[in-house]
Amino acid sequence: MMKDEGPYVIEWVAHHLAVGFTDFVIYTNDCTDGTDKMLMRMQELGLVQHRNNAIPEGMKPQPSALKYAQVEPEVAASDWLLVFDADEFLCLRHGDGRIDTLISDIKATGANGMVITWRIFGSGGVHEWSTDPVTEQYLMAAPQMWNKGWGVKTLFQFDPDKWKLGIHRPKLKNKVLDTEFPDSVRWLNGSGREMEEYFKFRGWRSIVRTVGYDWAQMNHYAIKSIDAYAIRRLRGNVNNKADKYNADYWSLQDRNEVRDDTMLRYKPERDRIIAALLSDPVLAELHDAALTRTEETLARIRDTEAYRDLVVSLKAASQVPITQVSAAPPKPRDKAKIASLMSDVEKRASGKRRAEKVKSPEVRTLPPADLYVRGSVDVSADVPLDWVQNHSVRLPMDPRIFTPAALTAIEVGKFQRNLARNVPGLVPKGGTFVDYGGACGFLAFHLAQTRPDAQVTLHEPVAGFRVAQALIAQENEITELDNFTLAGAENEKLGAILRKDAPAVLAIGGSVSIDEVLRSLEDLPEEARPGAIIFHGRALVEETGALSDAEARFFALGYNRRLPLDVTMGVGFAREDDV
């Protein structure tokens, strides 16, 4: 669905041809810059199918286009289908980056769809208009674990008799809800893991349990440069949302916390396709005319007071910390009504299946708190952040480091609250505390400030977390303390650290297996072993099963007492006489 996307349509089509799409049906409405003419020419060249989106009175452009697409023969002939817009570019990390490879591997798991989460890309500080490719100009994005940017698009096997098309995901038609068809629907998330059952029937956003970017993401370039945004504000938007393109929307979409240049994998093939498209003189002339119109529009508005005021407001909006932006819907939704409708749909579709799968109640334990982002950590970009006092340490509200659950705790000053209250009392007077793999370093920083008699050392093998630790230490002036050591990047083995530092209390936050911890302890004389060992953070999440299995080995080493810690925050073992 497009309107006045003339400067970008060549790149959009070329990129998705490079990804491997074979068929396009593109709807346009009310174009003034020749977008529709460019697509008509591409249809003449056999590249796309262009359709006019004649919008009935009282209907918005996107629902109108989807209504036409539902009965469009070209769409009905699709095997796999994806609904998306001109500011959305599919980016595949999986395999060779081709859509056919992705689909083959989805099918190999027994699935028939993938729920692909948005990745919001900001302006990257670009002000001036440029004809450079969108996917090369804008390489700064929101952190993966920023949940306000988790809208989705759905790639799925399409049957028009069973599915009703939607902007974010299709909807099961009423006539199939009482059949076996819903049981056959199996979708994966963007990391190739199976989606939860509820998403067959409701939802248009990922949640913490379902988000994933390892295989695919939908790059969302909603704003681009300040100049591009100014033009778009004049143009309007496809859903007729009043005053959508204001400073609040800019602050939501201008996320530049993390560099993501995955798209550059497509550059050689995309450039080859663009050159081939522009070798057609008619299409090239239409493309040049669209660029000329854009430049003429900019020349006309740049000298206006409205443009100058907009620039000032957008630059101010760019300074809003990521934790302060709002993504509230423009119209409040009746949650009770929606829940009632969705409950009825799910009951009809899955009541029989649930009845067949009824099992005896099982004892459930609370899972450990997942506090830190997965994958690489990059805090190199200088972005505005809120800092919040948590016990003795000021922590950043930074989704490049912390998960949404952790940010919620930080916001109210309760990050790792149970450990902050209990761990300082475990270290004997004048004793040594070592935190290995401490991620943000909170426990070590807190100990250093609340126990000035204790010697505290923080080791972190992951480079990104070491950078984060340095920033937090600087904010809290931790490095000025005589009793604190922030270890370098030498990546010493745990065994060597234990022999050198002789900790009274050892905290394991990640970057080492339970088996290596046990081997390192076994290699030490009994009198040289720490009095207590605490697993927290990433280690607690990643090694939960191994911890349960290893309890007997800890007992054999003399760690025969479990520490009274909140099991969602930490699991600790102590020697009876030492702590």
Foldseek 3Di string as FASTA:
>chain_A
DDALPLLQPLLQLLLQVLQPDQEAEDEYEDHDLCPQVLVVVCVVVVRYHYDYQPDDPPAFRVVSVLVVLLPDPVNQPDFKDWADDSQKHKFFLPDLSHPVVVCVVLVVVLAFKEKAFEWFWAQLAAADDDSPHLLVRTFFTAAQQLQLRFFTIMIGGDHSVAWRDDNQGIAGDPVCLQDCVLVSHWYAYLQSHTDDSLVNHDDGGDDPVHHDNNTIHIYGHPQHHLLSLVVDQVVADRGNDPPCSAQLNNLQRRGGQGGHNSSCSSVVSSVVSSVVSCVPVVSVVSSVSSVVVSVVVSVVPVPDPVSVVRVVSNVVSQQDANVPRDSDDPDDDPVVVVVVVSVVSCCSRCVVVCVVVDDDDDDDDDAADAWFDDDAQARPDDGHWDWAAAQLFTDTLGNSTTHPVQSVCRVVNCRLVQCLVPVLVQAPFLFEEEEAQQQLCVNQLSNVVVRVRYAYEYHHQRPNSLVNNVVRCVVSVVVVRPRYYYDDNPPDQPLVCLVVRLGLEYEYADPDAPVSVLVSLVPDDLVSHHQKYKYFHPRCNVCVVVCVVCPVSCVVSQQVDWDPTDSSGITMTGHPPRD
